[in-house]
Amino acid sequence: MGIYNEVYEFAARAGAFEGYVYQRSGLDPALLTPWVDHLVRGYDSLPPEVRADFQPLCDGTIGRAIQSMRGFMSEDHELIRKLKGLIAGELPSSPDDFYRSRGKEE
């Protein structure tokens, strides 16, 4: 699979995950574990220079998912810790913080 396909696959799955956990409560972590593990593997499989190109966007998407998950699991939960490993910058302030979604500061 080419690098563009891999980036697209990761981004699509990250966006779907963000949407799935948005404004949800009581989700079973066992159902989320395979999804989070797949996201981590997909992210880790990309070369660092490729990740650097989309990192601010990833910080926003994964960060908003983390903020949603904080509503139904603790900050120190394994899934949140794994997802934080995909974040290089600051977390968005809330699941509705789309300010950084353009990938650049204004």
C-alpha atoms as a PDB file:
ATOM      1  CA  MET A   1       0.000   0.000   0.000  1.00  0.00           C
ATOM      2  CA  GLY A   2       1.364   3.436  -0.870  1.00  0.00           C
ATOM      3  CA  ILE A   3       2.054   6.075   1.746  1.00  0.00           C
ATOM      4  CA  TYR A   4      -0.905   8.198   0.633  1.00  0.00           C
ATOM      5  CA  ASN A   5      -3.217   5.236   1.143  1.00  0.00           C
ATOM      6  CA  GLU A   6      -1.771   4.641   4.601  1.00  0.00           C
ATOM      7  CA  VAL A   7      -2.240   8.292   5.572  1.00  0.00           C
ATOM      8  CA  TYR A   8      -5.806   8.236   4.271  1.00  0.00           C
ATOM      9  CA  GLU A   9      -6.594   5.014   6.144  1.00  0.00           C
ATOM     10  CA  PHE A  10      -5.231   6.414   9.393  1.00  0.00           C
ATOM     11  CA  ALA A  11      -7.033   9.742   8.993  1.00  0.00           C
ATOM     12  CA  ALA A  12     -10.348   8.129   8.096  1.00  0.00           C
ATOM     13  CA  ARG A  13     -10.188   5.795  11.072  1.00  0.00           C
ATOM     14  CA  ALA A  14      -9.143   8.591  13.436  1.00  0.00           C
ATOM     15  CA  GLY A  15     -12.047  10.767  12.262  1.00  0.00           C
ATOM     16  CA  ALA A  16     -14.512   7.904  12.571  1.00  0.00           C
ATOM     17  CA  PHE A  17     -13.259   7.191  16.085  1.00  0.00           C
ATOM     18  CA  GLU A  18     -13.635  10.835  17.076  1.00  0.00           C
ATOM     19  CA  GLY A  19     -17.202  10.808  15.796  1.00  0.00           C
ATOM     20  CA  TYR A  20     -18.018   7.540  17.531  1.00  0.00           C
ATOM     21  CA  VAL A  21     -16.969   8.711  21.000  1.00  0.00           C
ATOM     22  CA  TYR A  22     -18.323  12.268  20.612  1.00  0.00           C
ATOM     23  CA  GLN A  23     -20.951  13.105  23.237  1.00  0.00           C
ATOM     24  CA  ARG A  24     -21.263   9.473  24.273  1.00  0.00           C
ATOM     25  CA  SER A  25     -21.285   8.075  27.751  1.00  0.00           C
ATOM     26  CA  GLY A  26     -20.853   4.644  29.194  1.00  0.00           C
ATOM     27  CA  LEU A  27     -19.037   3.154  26.216  1.00  0.00           C
ATOM     28  CA  ASP A  28     -17.451  -0.193  27.027  1.00  0.00           C
ATOM     29  CA  PRO A  29     -13.647   0.193  26.927  1.00  0.00           C
ATOM     30  CA  ALA A  30     -13.390  -3.394  25.675  1.00  0.00           C
ATOM     31  CA  LEU A  31     -15.163  -2.301  22.483  1.00  0.00           C
ATOM     32  CA  LEU A  32     -12.801   0.642  22.043  1.00  0.00           C
ATOM     33  CA  THR A  33      -9.566  -1.243  22.749  1.00  0.00           C
ATOM     34  CA  PRO A  34      -9.147  -2.846  19.299  1.00  0.00           C
ATOM     35  CA  TRP A  35      -9.943   0.472  17.625  1.00  0.00           C
ATOM     36  CA  VAL A  36      -7.391   2.390  19.718  1.00  0.00           C
ATOM     37  CA  ASP A  37      -4.766  -0.310  19.192  1.00  0.00           C
ATOM     38  CA  HIS A  38      -5.363  -0.158  15.438  1.00  0.00           C
ATOM     39  CA  LEU A  39      -4.985   3.635  15.462  1.00  0.00           C
ATOM     40  CA  VAL A  40      -1.715   3.379  17.379  1.00  0.00           C
ATOM     41  CA  ARG A  41      -0.351   0.755  14.961  1.00  0.00           C
ATOM     42  CA  GLY A  42      -1.397   2.833  11.955  1.00  0.00           C
ATOM     43  CA  TYR A  43       0.220   5.968  13.359  1.00  0.00           C
ATOM     44  CA  ASP A  44       3.405   4.146  14.337  1.00  0.00           C
ATOM     45  CA  SER A  45       3.702   2.570  10.877  1.00  0.00           C
ATOM     46  CA  LEU A  46       4.030   5.973   9.219  1.00  0.00           C
ATOM     47  CA  PRO A  47       7.477   7.530   8.842  1.00  0.00           C
ATOM     48  CA  PRO A  48       8.167  10.410  11.260  1.00  0.00           C
ATOM     49  CA  GLU A  49       8.479  12.949   8.428  1.00  0.00           C
ATOM     50  CA  VAL A  50       5.033  11.969   7.132  1.00  0.00           C
ATOM     51  CA  ARG A  51       3.485  12.213  10.612  1.00  0.00           C
ATOM     52  CA  ALA A  52       5.073  15.645  11.040  1.00  0.00           C
ATOM     53  CA  ASP A  53       3.143  16.891   8.002  1.00  0.00           C
ATOM     54  CA  PHE A  54      -0.240  16.121   9.566  1.00  0.00           C
ATOM     55  CA  GLN A  55       0.587  16.157  13.297  1.00  0.00           C
ATOM     56  CA  PRO A  56      -1.345  19.349  14.166  1.00  0.00           C
ATOM     57  CA  LEU A  57      -4.452  17.862  12.532  1.00  0.00           C
ATOM     58  CA  CYS A  58      -3.916  14.569  14.343  1.00  0.00           C
ATOM     59  CA  ASP A  59      -3.523  16.450  17.633  1.00  0.00           C
ATOM     60  CA  GLY A  60      -6.932  18.003  17.036  1.00  0.00           C
ATOM     61  CA  THR A  61      -8.787  14.869  15.964  1.00  0.00           C
ATOM     62  CA  ILE A  62      -7.308  12.507  18.537  1.00  0.00           C
ATOM     63  CA  GLY A  63      -7.328  15.240  21.183  1.00  0.00           C
ATOM     64  CA  ARG A  64     -11.048  15.882  20.738  1.00  0.00           C
ATOM     65  CA  ALA A  65     -11.657  12.135  21.011  1.00  0.00           C
ATOM     66  CA  ILE A  66      -9.667  12.085  24.259  1.00  0.00           C
ATOM     67  CA  GLN A  67     -11.723  14.992  25.595  1.00  0.00           C
ATOM     68  CA  SER A  68     -14.913  13.077  24.787  1.00  0.00           C
ATOM     69  CA  MET A  69     -13.600   9.940  26.475  1.00  0.00           C
ATOM     70  CA  ARG A  70     -12.792  11.881  29.636  1.00  0.00           C
ATOM     71  CA  GLY A  71     -16.548  12.061  30.113  1.00  0.00           C
ATOM     72  CA  PHE A  72     -16.799   8.319  30.734  1.00  0.00           C
ATOM     73  CA  MET A  73     -13.336   7.111  31.756  1.00  0.00           C
ATOM     74  CA  SER A  74     -10.538   8.327  33.974  1.00  0.00           C
ATOM     75  CA  GLU A  75      -7.603  10.380  32.779  1.00  0.00           C
ATOM     76  CA  ASP A  76      -5.209   7.552  33.642  1.00  0.00           C
ATOM     77  CA  HIS A  77      -7.135   4.857  31.740  1.00  0.00           C
ATOM     78  CA  GLU A  78      -4.913   2.809  29.439  1.00  0.00           C
ATOM     79  CA  LEU A  79      -6.832   3.840  26.306  1.00  0.00           C
ATOM     80  CA  ILE A  80      -6.421   7.540  27.032  1.00  0.00           C
ATOM     81  CA  ARG A  81      -2.727   7.013  27.753  1.00  0.00           C
ATOM     82  CA  LYS A  82      -2.286   5.191  24.427  1.00  0.00           C
ATOM     83  CA  LEU A  83      -4.072   7.939  22.506  1.00  0.00           C
ATOM     84  CA  LYS A  84      -2.008  10.627  24.223  1.00  0.00           C
ATOM     85  CA  GLY A  85       1.012   8.906  22.677  1.00  0.00           C
ATOM     86  CA  LEU A  86      -0.271  10.126  19.299  1.00  0.00           C
ATOM     87  CA  ILE A  87      -0.367  13.759  20.441  1.00  0.00           C
ATOM     88  CA  ALA A  88       2.657  16.017  20.028  1.00  0.00           C
ATOM     89  CA  GLY A  89       1.078  19.361  20.917  1.00  0.00           C
ATOM     90  CA  GLU A  90      -1.604  20.541  23.287  1.00  0.00           C
ATOM     91  CA  LEU A  91      -4.954  18.853  23.638  1.00  0.00           C
ATOM     92  CA  PRO A  92      -7.966  20.787  22.389  1.00  0.00           C
ATOM     93  CA  SER A  93      -9.883  22.418  25.225  1.00  0.00           C
ATOM     94  CA  SER A  94     -13.014  20.354  24.588  1.00  0.00           C
ATOM     95  CA  PRO A  95     -14.544  17.856  22.147  1.00  0.00           C
ATOM     96  CA  ASP A  96     -15.956  20.900  20.329  1.00  0.00           C
ATOM     97  CA  ASP A  97     -12.641  22.774  19.955  1.00  0.00           C
ATOM     98  CA  PHE A  98     -12.030  22.876  16.210  1.00  0.00           C
ATOM     99  CA  TYR A  99      -9.736  25.912  16.261  1.00  0.00           C
ATOM    100  CA  ARG A 100      -6.596  23.901  15.479  1.00  0.00           C
ATOM    101  CA  SER A 101      -8.282  21.649  12.927  1.00  0.00           C
ATOM    102  CA  ARG A 102      -6.823  23.623  10.025  1.00  0.00           C
ATOM    103  CA  GLY A 103      -3.354  22.489  11.000  1.00  0.00           C
ATOM    104  CA  LYS A 104      -1.924  25.945  11.506  1.00  0.00           C
ATOM    105  CA  GLU A 105      -2.086  28.777  13.955  1.00  0.00           C
ATOM    106  CA  GLU A 106      -3.936  31.898  12.947  1.00  0.00           C
END
